[in-house]
Amino acid sequence: MDFHWVDVFATGPLTGNPLAVITGDGLPPADRMQAIAAELGLSETVFAAPGAVPRLRIFTPEAEIPMAGHPLVGAAWVLRRIGWIGDDATVSAPGGVVTVAADEAGARMTRTGPSHGGHADAGAIAECLGARAMGDAPIWNAGLPQVMLEVDDLHGLAADHHALRERGREEGWAGVSAYVLRDGLQPVAEVRHFAAPIGIPEDPVTGSAAAALGAHLAARGLRTGDGTLHLTVLQGHHMGRAGRVDVLVDVGPDGPRAVTVGGQVVPVVTGTTFDGLVAG
């Protein structure tokens, strides 16, 4: 199997969110994929098998997840580069079939039907982050259920990862996006994302959460065009991994219908795994 290390949603070399994409004729056993993801220690590792619709499985260091933005965007770029897909394609993950597009510079994915799933306790979440909440804490799902929490300041947050892990696993959400919104002709959101429930204390740049934030803000009435919201998400600079996600939300009469997230992808390392590493 071949190994591809890329930086997704990058703003230059060695920025954004690192991702490992491992490609081969088939997929290793699930326990072996989980062990490799734990060994690599990245936010996510993707395993891909070829086909008319390539099959992907996504692992954090602690668990398999059904869907995520940065793994799908990064994998789309890699699969185009190695000739498995063209510029526009579909790929299959456990959470469903997703439309992707890629070029030399980067990639994007589109998720239909983002959904609102109630509210978390804004005060309790803010306390877990050492922040001051500026409103409620809706849960939005654009691949994974995520809490959206507007805060007064992103500097100096002191997240209680154990408390977030326990609360998220009990309440059924994967992470919290703490954000500060800057309005303008094209709004910009600065974000820090904490995903302790799935084994990621703080994620450098998060595609599914950027999509969820776009859906949340669009549902709240924010627009930049006729039936659309263009949002720029800046994330990772607090970790020394400055990243950017370009978000486009298609909004219908009943709310957000689809969200596209994309950004630059930068190659870092390619290689080949040992046979014994991926065999059962």
C-alpha atoms as a PDB file:
ATOM      1  CA  MET A   1       0.000   0.000   0.000  1.00  0.00           C
ATOM      2  CA  ASP A   2       1.134   3.539  -0.709  1.00  0.00           C
ATOM      3  CA  PHE A   3       1.339   6.295   1.865  1.00  0.00           C
ATOM      4  CA  HIS A   4       0.557   9.961   1.171  1.00  0.00           C
ATOM      5  CA  TRP A   5       1.011  12.681   3.801  1.00  0.00           C
ATOM      6  CA  VAL A   6      -0.616  16.005   2.883  1.00  0.00           C
ATOM      7  CA  ASP A   7      -1.569  19.248   4.601  1.00  0.00           C
ATOM      8  CA  VAL A   8      -5.246  20.100   4.046  1.00  0.00           C
ATOM      9  CA  PHE A   9      -6.815  23.580   4.172  1.00  0.00           C
ATOM     10  CA  ALA A  10      -3.241  24.876   4.106  1.00  0.00           C
ATOM     11  CA  THR A  11      -2.140  28.466   3.704  1.00  0.00           C
ATOM     12  CA  GLY A  12       1.378  27.401   2.691  1.00  0.00           C
ATOM     13  CA  PRO A  13       3.852  24.583   3.328  1.00  0.00           C
ATOM     14  CA  LEU A  14       3.530  22.899   6.743  1.00  0.00           C
ATOM     15  CA  THR A  15       0.296  24.666   7.650  1.00  0.00           C
ATOM     16  CA  GLY A  16      -3.330  23.535   7.831  1.00  0.00           C
ATOM     17  CA  ASN A  17      -4.296  20.078   9.054  1.00  0.00           C
ATOM     18  CA  PRO A  18      -1.975  17.103   8.368  1.00  0.00           C
ATOM     19  CA  LEU A  19      -3.587  13.987   6.891  1.00  0.00           C
ATOM     20  CA  ALA A  20      -2.343  10.523   5.987  1.00  0.00           C
ATOM     21  CA  VAL A  21      -4.009   8.806   3.024  1.00  0.00           C
ATOM     22  CA  ILE A  22      -3.120   5.131   2.589  1.00  0.00           C
ATOM     23  CA  THR A  23      -4.081   3.601  -0.770  1.00  0.00           C
ATOM     24  CA  GLY A  24      -3.980   0.019  -1.995  1.00  0.00           C
ATOM     25  CA  ASP A  25      -5.867  -2.723  -3.794  1.00  0.00           C
ATOM     26  CA  GLY A  26      -8.015  -3.382  -0.735  1.00  0.00           C
ATOM     27  CA  LEU A  27      -8.572  -2.301   2.848  1.00  0.00           C
ATOM     28  CA  PRO A  28      -6.716  -3.854   5.801  1.00  0.00           C
ATOM     29  CA  PRO A  29      -8.694  -5.299   8.718  1.00  0.00           C
ATOM     30  CA  ALA A  30     -10.369  -2.641  10.848  1.00  0.00           C
ATOM     31  CA  ASP A  31      -8.224  -3.300  13.901  1.00  0.00           C
ATOM     32  CA  ARG A  32      -5.064  -2.888  11.823  1.00  0.00           C
ATOM     33  CA  MET A  33      -6.322   0.400  10.349  1.00  0.00           C
ATOM     34  CA  GLN A  34      -7.105   1.646  13.853  1.00  0.00           C
ATOM     35  CA  ALA A  35      -3.656   0.652  15.092  1.00  0.00           C
ATOM     36  CA  ILE A  36      -1.954   2.457  12.199  1.00  0.00           C
ATOM     37  CA  ALA A  37      -4.009   5.607  12.859  1.00  0.00           C
ATOM     38  CA  ALA A  38      -3.025   5.472  16.530  1.00  0.00           C
ATOM     39  CA  GLU A  39       0.636   4.999  15.580  1.00  0.00           C
ATOM     40  CA  LEU A  40       0.573   8.016  13.249  1.00  0.00           C
ATOM     41  CA  GLY A  41      -1.230  10.166  15.820  1.00  0.00           C
ATOM     42  CA  LEU A  42      -2.760  12.571  13.286  1.00  0.00           C
ATOM     43  CA  SER A  43      -6.266  13.963  13.669  1.00  0.00           C
ATOM     44  CA  GLU A  44      -7.389  11.536  10.956  1.00  0.00           C
ATOM     45  CA  THR A  45      -5.952   8.830   8.725  1.00  0.00           C
ATOM     46  CA  VAL A  46      -7.819   7.715   5.584  1.00  0.00           C
ATOM     47  CA  PHE A  47      -7.615   4.272   3.988  1.00  0.00           C
ATOM     48  CA  ALA A  48      -8.784   4.045   0.370  1.00  0.00           C
ATOM     49  CA  ALA A  49      -9.598   1.177  -1.996  1.00  0.00           C
ATOM     50  CA  PRO A  50     -10.162   1.722  -5.743  1.00  0.00           C
ATOM     51  CA  GLY A  51     -13.388   1.374  -7.693  1.00  0.00           C
ATOM     52  CA  ALA A  52     -15.838   3.316  -9.810  1.00  0.00           C
ATOM     53  CA  VAL A  53     -16.668   4.965  -6.494  1.00  0.00           C
ATOM     54  CA  PRO A  54     -13.537   4.626  -4.311  1.00  0.00           C
ATOM     55  CA  ARG A  55     -14.175   3.316  -0.797  1.00  0.00           C
ATOM     56  CA  LEU A  56     -12.800   5.299   2.126  1.00  0.00           C
ATOM     57  CA  ARG A  57     -12.586   4.601   5.844  1.00  0.00           C
ATOM     58  CA  ILE A  58     -11.583   7.328   8.283  1.00  0.00           C
ATOM     59  CA  PHE A  59      -9.885   6.830  11.656  1.00  0.00           C
ATOM     60  CA  THR A  60      -8.871   9.182  14.453  1.00  0.00           C
ATOM     61  CA  PRO A  61      -6.228   7.876  16.886  1.00  0.00           C
ATOM     62  CA  GLU A  62      -9.053   6.428  19.002  1.00  0.00           C
ATOM     63  CA  ALA A  63     -12.031   5.621  16.782  1.00  0.00           C
ATOM     64  CA  GLU A  64     -13.424   5.196  13.293  1.00  0.00           C
ATOM     65  CA  ILE A  65     -15.714   8.018  12.217  1.00  0.00           C
ATOM     66  CA  PRO A  66     -18.335   7.889   9.448  1.00  0.00           C
ATOM     67  CA  MET A  67     -17.617  11.221   7.785  1.00  0.00           C
ATOM     68  CA  ALA A  68     -15.285  14.207   8.094  1.00  0.00           C
ATOM     69  CA  GLY A  69     -14.349  17.174   5.944  1.00  0.00           C
ATOM     70  CA  HIS A  70     -10.569  17.402   6.040  1.00  0.00           C
ATOM     71  CA  PRO A  71     -10.057  13.653   5.322  1.00  0.00           C
ATOM     72  CA  LEU A  72     -12.453  13.702   2.363  1.00  0.00           C
ATOM     73  CA  VAL A  73     -10.983  16.892   0.889  1.00  0.00           C
ATOM     74  CA  GLY A  74      -7.421  15.624   1.311  1.00  0.00           C
ATOM     75  CA  ALA A  75      -8.259  12.157  -0.009  1.00  0.00           C
ATOM     76  CA  ALA A  76      -9.984  13.642  -3.070  1.00  0.00           C
ATOM     77  CA  TRP A  77      -6.818  15.586  -3.920  1.00  0.00           C
ATOM     78  CA  VAL A  78      -4.624  12.499  -3.471  1.00  0.00           C
ATOM     79  CA  LEU A  79      -6.930  10.210  -5.473  1.00  0.00           C
ATOM     80  CA  ARG A  80      -6.999  12.668  -8.364  1.00  0.00           C
ATOM     81  CA  ARG A  81      -3.213  12.962  -8.230  1.00  0.00           C
ATOM     82  CA  ILE A  82      -2.705   9.179  -8.480  1.00  0.00           C
ATOM     83  CA  GLY A  83      -5.335   8.833 -11.222  1.00  0.00           C
ATOM     84  CA  TRP A  84      -8.107   7.059  -9.338  1.00  0.00           C
ATOM     85  CA  ILE A  85     -10.631   9.856  -9.962  1.00  0.00           C
ATOM     86  CA  GLY A  86     -11.000  12.811 -12.305  1.00  0.00           C
ATOM     87  CA  ASP A  87     -11.622  16.437 -11.514  1.00  0.00           C
ATOM     88  CA  ASP A  88     -15.188  15.691 -10.372  1.00  0.00           C
ATOM     89  CA  ALA A  89     -16.141  12.437  -8.685  1.00  0.00           C
ATOM     90  CA  THR A  90     -17.972  10.680  -5.893  1.00  0.00           C
ATOM     91  CA  VAL A  91     -16.390   8.716  -3.071  1.00  0.00           C
ATOM     92  CA  SER A  92     -17.953   6.424  -0.512  1.00  0.00           C
ATOM     93  CA  ALA A  93     -17.424   6.646   3.240  1.00  0.00           C
ATOM     94  CA  PRO A  94     -19.345   4.782   5.959  1.00  0.00           C
ATOM     95  CA  GLY A  95     -21.484   7.901   6.402  1.00  0.00           C
ATOM     96  CA  GLY A  96     -22.576   7.933   2.753  1.00  0.00           C
ATOM     97  CA  VAL A  97     -21.575   8.860  -0.771  1.00  0.00           C
ATOM     98  CA  VAL A  98     -20.065  12.344  -1.122  1.00  0.00           C
ATOM     99  CA  THR A  99     -19.453  14.543  -4.156  1.00  0.00           C
ATOM    100  CA  VAL A 100     -15.886  15.816  -4.416  1.00  0.00           C
ATOM    101  CA  ALA A 101     -13.862  17.937  -6.845  1.00  0.00           C
ATOM    102  CA  ALA A 102     -10.123  18.517  -7.091  1.00  0.00           C
ATOM    103  CA  ASP A 103      -7.477  20.301  -9.126  1.00  0.00           C
ATOM    104  CA  GLU A 104      -3.730  20.881  -8.831  1.00  0.00           C
ATOM    105  CA  ALA A 105      -4.113  23.391  -6.010  1.00  0.00           C
ATOM    106  CA  GLY A 106      -6.707  21.815  -3.756  1.00  0.00           C
ATOM    107  CA  ALA A 107     -10.061  20.106  -3.405  1.00  0.00           C
ATOM    108  CA  ARG A 108     -13.589  20.509  -2.087  1.00  0.00           C
ATOM    109  CA  MET A 109     -16.490  18.355  -0.991  1.00  0.00           C
ATOM    110  CA  THR A 110     -20.233  18.939  -0.908  1.00  0.00           C
ATOM    111  CA  ARG A 111     -22.486  17.652   1.834  1.00  0.00           C
ATOM    112  CA  THR A 112     -26.245  17.774   1.255  1.00  0.00           C
ATOM    113  CA  GLY A 113     -28.841  18.082   3.964  1.00  0.00           C
ATOM    114  CA  PRO A 114     -26.993  19.635   6.918  1.00  0.00           C
ATOM    115  CA  SER A 115     -29.253  19.282   9.927  1.00  0.00           C
ATOM    116  CA  HIS A 116     -29.921  21.015  13.228  1.00  0.00           C
ATOM    117  CA  GLY A 117     -29.960  18.634  16.186  1.00  0.00           C
ATOM    118  CA  GLY A 118     -31.043  20.635  19.211  1.00  0.00           C
ATOM    119  CA  HIS A 119     -28.907  22.577  21.664  1.00  0.00           C
ATOM    120  CA  ALA A 120     -26.165  21.898  24.172  1.00  0.00           C
ATOM    121  CA  ASP A 121     -25.843  23.817  27.432  1.00  0.00           C
ATOM    122  CA  ALA A 122     -23.958  26.956  26.368  1.00  0.00           C
ATOM    123  CA  GLY A 123     -22.926  27.873  29.902  1.00  0.00           C
ATOM    124  CA  ALA A 124     -21.572  24.411  30.654  1.00  0.00           C
ATOM    125  CA  ILE A 125     -19.693  24.200  27.350  1.00  0.00           C
ATOM    126  CA  ALA A 126     -18.211  27.670  27.851  1.00  0.00           C
ATOM    127  CA  GLU A 127     -17.074  26.654  31.331  1.00  0.00           C
ATOM    128  CA  CYS A 128     -15.363  23.579  29.842  1.00  0.00           C
ATOM    129  CA  LEU A 129     -13.478  25.901  27.467  1.00  0.00           C
ATOM    130  CA  GLY A 130     -12.692  28.694  29.918  1.00  0.00           C
ATOM    131  CA  ALA A 131     -14.654  31.055  27.660  1.00  0.00           C
ATOM    132  CA  ARG A 132     -17.615  33.428  27.817  1.00  0.00           C
ATOM    133  CA  ALA A 133     -20.534  32.400  25.595  1.00  0.00           C
ATOM    134  CA  MET A 134     -22.185  35.044  23.431  1.00  0.00           C
ATOM    135  CA  GLY A 135     -25.410  33.114  22.837  1.00  0.00           C
ATOM    136  CA  ASP A 136     -26.826  29.619  22.737  1.00  0.00           C
ATOM    137  CA  ALA A 137     -25.020  26.450  21.626  1.00  0.00           C
ATOM    138  CA  PRO A 138     -26.826  24.775  18.710  1.00  0.00           C
ATOM    139  CA  ILE A 139     -25.748  21.362  17.470  1.00  0.00           C
ATOM    140  CA  TRP A 140     -25.365  21.070  13.694  1.00  0.00           C
ATOM    141  CA  ASN A 141     -24.519  17.989  11.663  1.00  0.00           C
ATOM    142  CA  ALA A 142     -22.775  18.254   8.283  1.00  0.00           C
ATOM    143  CA  GLY A 143     -21.132  14.850   8.615  1.00  0.00           C
ATOM    144  CA  LEU A 144     -20.661  14.775  12.377  1.00  0.00           C
ATOM    145  CA  PRO A 145     -22.740  16.436  15.114  1.00  0.00           C
ATOM    146  CA  GLN A 146     -20.848  19.516  16.318  1.00  0.00           C
ATOM    147  CA  VAL A 147     -21.631  22.223  18.864  1.00  0.00           C
ATOM    148  CA  MET A 148     -21.402  25.804  17.569  1.00  0.00           C
ATOM    149  CA  LEU A 149     -20.540  28.269  20.354  1.00  0.00           C
ATOM    150  CA  GLU A 150     -19.920  31.960  19.704  1.00  0.00           C
ATOM    151  CA  VAL A 151     -17.475  33.347  22.274  1.00  0.00           C
ATOM    152  CA  ASP A 152     -16.088  36.781  23.083  1.00  0.00           C
ATOM    153  CA  ASP A 153     -12.419  35.845  22.600  1.00  0.00           C
ATOM    154  CA  LEU A 154     -10.415  32.831  21.383  1.00  0.00           C
ATOM    155  CA  HIS A 155      -7.194  33.784  23.134  1.00  0.00           C
ATOM    156  CA  GLY A 156      -6.390  32.182  26.442  1.00  0.00           C
ATOM    157  CA  LEU A 157      -8.895  29.334  26.223  1.00  0.00           C
ATOM    158  CA  ALA A 158      -8.091  26.558  28.707  1.00  0.00           C
ATOM    159  CA  ALA A 159     -10.137  23.576  27.568  1.00  0.00           C
ATOM    160  CA  ASP A 160     -10.969  20.812  30.034  1.00  0.00           C
ATOM    161  CA  HIS A 161     -10.601  17.953  27.558  1.00  0.00           C
ATOM    162  CA  HIS A 162     -11.775  15.297  30.017  1.00  0.00           C
ATOM    163  CA  ALA A 163     -14.979  17.207  30.743  1.00  0.00           C
ATOM    164  CA  LEU A 164     -15.598  17.805  27.019  1.00  0.00           C
ATOM    165  CA  ARG A 165     -14.963  14.135  26.292  1.00  0.00           C
ATOM    166  CA  GLU A 166     -17.437  12.957  28.913  1.00  0.00           C
ATOM    167  CA  ARG A 167     -20.109  15.516  28.010  1.00  0.00           C
ATOM    168  CA  GLY A 168     -19.812  14.894  24.266  1.00  0.00           C
ATOM    169  CA  ARG A 169     -20.006  11.127  24.603  1.00  0.00           C
ATOM    170  CA  GLU A 170     -22.999  11.388  26.917  1.00  0.00           C
ATOM    171  CA  GLU A 171     -24.839  13.907  24.718  1.00  0.00           C
ATOM    172  CA  GLY A 172     -23.849  12.478  21.325  1.00  0.00           C
ATOM    173  CA  TRP A 173     -21.736  15.224  19.745  1.00  0.00           C
ATOM    174  CA  ALA A 174     -18.200  14.953  18.391  1.00  0.00           C
ATOM    175  CA  GLY A 175     -16.746  18.376  19.115  1.00  0.00           C
ATOM    176  CA  VAL A 176     -17.171  22.067  19.860  1.00  0.00           C
ATOM    177  CA  SER A 177     -16.376  24.953  17.524  1.00  0.00           C
ATOM    178  CA  ALA A 178     -15.675  28.091  19.525  1.00  0.00           C
ATOM    179  CA  TYR A 179     -15.888  30.979  17.076  1.00  0.00           C
ATOM    180  CA  VAL A 180     -15.683  34.748  16.722  1.00  0.00           C
ATOM    181  CA  LEU A 181     -17.519  36.214  13.721  1.00  0.00           C
ATOM    182  CA  ARG A 182     -16.270  39.230  11.788  1.00  0.00           C
ATOM    183  CA  ASP A 183     -18.980  40.644   9.534  1.00  0.00           C
ATOM    184  CA  GLY A 184     -18.189  42.190   6.164  1.00  0.00           C
ATOM    185  CA  LEU A 185     -18.987  41.818   2.476  1.00  0.00           C
ATOM    186  CA  GLN A 186     -17.814  38.236   2.965  1.00  0.00           C
ATOM    187  CA  PRO A 187     -17.958  37.251   6.625  1.00  0.00           C
ATOM    188  CA  VAL A 188     -14.960  35.656   8.290  1.00  0.00           C
ATOM    189  CA  ALA A 189     -15.127  33.340  11.287  1.00  0.00           C
ATOM    190  CA  GLU A 190     -12.090  32.674  13.449  1.00  0.00           C
ATOM    191  CA  VAL A 191     -12.431  29.233  15.028  1.00  0.00           C
ATOM    192  CA  ARG A 192     -10.875  26.865  17.527  1.00  0.00           C
ATOM    193  CA  HIS A 193     -12.263  23.345  17.503  1.00  0.00           C
ATOM    194  CA  PHE A 194     -12.099  20.835  20.350  1.00  0.00           C
ATOM    195  CA  ALA A 195     -13.028  17.206  19.583  1.00  0.00           C
ATOM    196  CA  ALA A 196     -12.044  15.264  22.692  1.00  0.00           C
ATOM    197  CA  PRO A 197     -15.061  12.879  22.350  1.00  0.00           C
ATOM    198  CA  ILE A 198     -13.419  11.325  19.251  1.00  0.00           C
ATOM    199  CA  GLY A 199      -9.854  11.511  20.548  1.00  0.00           C
ATOM    200  CA  ILE A 200      -8.721  14.909  19.178  1.00  0.00           C
ATOM    201  CA  PRO A 201      -8.108  17.449  21.988  1.00  0.00           C
ATOM    202  CA  GLU A 202      -7.802  20.387  19.556  1.00  0.00           C
ATOM    203  CA  ASP A 203      -8.013  20.021  15.782  1.00  0.00           C
ATOM    204  CA  PRO A 204      -5.892  22.337  13.601  1.00  0.00           C
ATOM    205  CA  VAL A 205      -8.506  22.884  10.843  1.00  0.00           C
ATOM    206  CA  THR A 206     -11.872  21.111  10.686  1.00  0.00           C
ATOM    207  CA  GLY A 207     -13.893  20.735   7.475  1.00  0.00           C
ATOM    208  CA  SER A 208     -17.065  19.166   8.862  1.00  0.00           C
ATOM    209  CA  ALA A 209     -17.232  21.760  11.633  1.00  0.00           C
ATOM    210  CA  ALA A 210     -16.675  24.591   9.130  1.00  0.00           C
ATOM    211  CA  ALA A 211     -19.588  23.185   7.134  1.00  0.00           C
ATOM    212  CA  ALA A 212     -21.713  22.978  10.270  1.00  0.00           C
ATOM    213  CA  LEU A 213     -20.824  26.563  11.175  1.00  0.00           C
ATOM    214  CA  GLY A 214     -21.801  27.725   7.694  1.00  0.00           C
ATOM    215  CA  ALA A 215     -25.138  25.941   7.997  1.00  0.00           C
ATOM    216  CA  HIS A 216     -25.733  27.423  11.444  1.00  0.00           C
ATOM    217  CA  LEU A 217     -24.981  30.981  10.343  1.00  0.00           C
ATOM    218  CA  ALA A 218     -27.101  30.597   7.212  1.00  0.00           C
ATOM    219  CA  ALA A 219     -29.999  29.299   9.296  1.00  0.00           C
ATOM    220  CA  ARG A 220     -29.523  32.326  11.535  1.00  0.00           C
ATOM    221  CA  GLY A 221     -30.127  34.533   8.483  1.00  0.00           C
ATOM    222  CA  LEU A 222     -26.607  35.436   7.354  1.00  0.00           C
ATOM    223  CA  ARG A 223     -26.358  35.767   3.554  1.00  0.00           C
ATOM    224  CA  THR A 224     -23.820  37.085   1.048  1.00  0.00           C
ATOM    225  CA  GLY A 225     -25.840  36.458  -2.099  1.00  0.00           C
ATOM    226  CA  ASP A 226     -29.204  35.393  -3.447  1.00  0.00           C
ATOM    227  CA  GLY A 227     -29.799  32.141  -1.590  1.00  0.00           C
ATOM    228  CA  THR A 228     -26.160  31.616  -0.659  1.00  0.00           C
ATOM    229  CA  LEU A 229     -23.654  32.273   2.086  1.00  0.00           C
ATOM    230  CA  HIS A 230     -19.943  32.564   1.332  1.00  0.00           C
ATOM    231  CA  LEU A 231     -17.965  32.201   4.561  1.00  0.00           C
ATOM    232  CA  THR A 232     -14.232  32.121   5.216  1.00  0.00           C
ATOM    233  CA  VAL A 233     -13.167  30.056   8.231  1.00  0.00           C
ATOM    234  CA  LEU A 234      -9.721  30.761   9.685  1.00  0.00           C
ATOM    235  CA  GLN A 235      -8.475  28.119  12.092  1.00  0.00           C
ATOM    236  CA  GLY A 236      -5.224  26.677  13.370  1.00  0.00           C
ATOM    237  CA  HIS A 237      -3.169  29.841  13.931  1.00  0.00           C
ATOM    238  CA  HIS A 238      -3.449  29.331  17.705  1.00  0.00           C
ATOM    239  CA  MET A 239      -1.636  26.002  17.145  1.00  0.00           C
ATOM    240  CA  GLY A 240       0.945  27.326  14.696  1.00  0.00           C
ATOM    241  CA  ARG A 241      -0.916  25.609  11.808  1.00  0.00           C
ATOM    242  CA  ALA A 242      -2.719  28.518  10.144  1.00  0.00           C
ATOM    243  CA  GLY A 243      -5.444  27.212   7.846  1.00  0.00           C
ATOM    244  CA  ARG A 244      -8.319  28.461   5.734  1.00  0.00           C
ATOM    245  CA  VAL A 245     -11.596  26.811   4.723  1.00  0.00           C
ATOM    246  CA  ASP A 246     -13.784  28.298   2.003  1.00  0.00           C
ATOM    247  CA  VAL A 247     -17.435  27.544   2.757  1.00  0.00           C
ATOM    248  CA  LEU A 248     -20.406  27.924   0.417  1.00  0.00           C
ATOM    249  CA  VAL A 249     -23.908  27.280   1.746  1.00  0.00           C
ATOM    250  CA  ASP A 250     -26.868  26.807  -0.602  1.00  0.00           C
ATOM    251  CA  VAL A 251     -29.971  28.027   1.226  1.00  0.00           C
ATOM    252  CA  GLY A 252     -33.549  27.166   0.320  1.00  0.00           C
ATOM    253  CA  PRO A 253     -36.905  28.272   1.708  1.00  0.00           C
ATOM    254  CA  ASP A 254     -36.597  25.789   4.582  1.00  0.00           C
ATOM    255  CA  GLY A 255     -32.975  26.514   5.434  1.00  0.00           C
ATOM    256  CA  PRO A 256     -29.541  25.213   4.372  1.00  0.00           C
ATOM    257  CA  ARG A 257     -29.761  22.592   1.609  1.00  0.00           C
ATOM    258  CA  ALA A 258     -26.093  21.846   0.923  1.00  0.00           C
ATOM    259  CA  VAL A 259     -22.669  22.960   2.109  1.00  0.00           C
ATOM    260  CA  THR A 260     -19.425  22.905   0.131  1.00  0.00           C
ATOM    261  CA  VAL A 261     -16.082  23.179   1.916  1.00  0.00           C
ATOM    262  CA  GLY A 262     -12.725  23.398   0.211  1.00  0.00           C
ATOM    263  CA  GLY A 263      -9.197  24.652   0.370  1.00  0.00           C
ATOM    264  CA  GLN A 264      -5.593  24.224  -0.617  1.00  0.00           C
ATOM    265  CA  VAL A 265      -3.818  20.863  -0.283  1.00  0.00           C
ATOM    266  CA  VAL A 266      -0.013  20.695  -0.029  1.00  0.00           C
ATOM    267  CA  PRO A 267       1.914  17.402  -0.407  1.00  0.00           C
ATOM    268  CA  VAL A 268       4.454  16.596   2.317  1.00  0.00           C
ATOM    269  CA  VAL A 269       5.651  12.958   2.080  1.00  0.00           C
ATOM    270  CA  THR A 270       4.909   9.928  -0.097  1.00  0.00           C
ATOM    271  CA  GLY A 271       6.132   6.383   0.439  1.00  0.00           C
ATOM    272  CA  THR A 272       5.214   2.704   0.696  1.00  0.00           C
ATOM    273  CA  THR A 273       4.100   0.849   3.795  1.00  0.00           C
ATOM    274  CA  PHE A 274       5.606  -2.479   4.874  1.00  0.00           C
ATOM    275  CA  ASP A 275       3.486  -5.498   3.950  1.00  0.00           C
ATOM    276  CA  GLY A 276       3.403  -6.642   7.578  1.00  0.00           C
ATOM    277  CA  LEU A 277       2.053  -3.277   8.695  1.00  0.00           C
ATOM    278  CA  VAL A 278      -1.183  -3.535   6.728  1.00  0.00           C
ATOM    279  CA  ALA A 279      -1.701  -7.305   6.658  1.00  0.00           C
ATOM    280  CA  GLY A 280      -4.046  -8.911   9.124  1.00  0.00           C
END
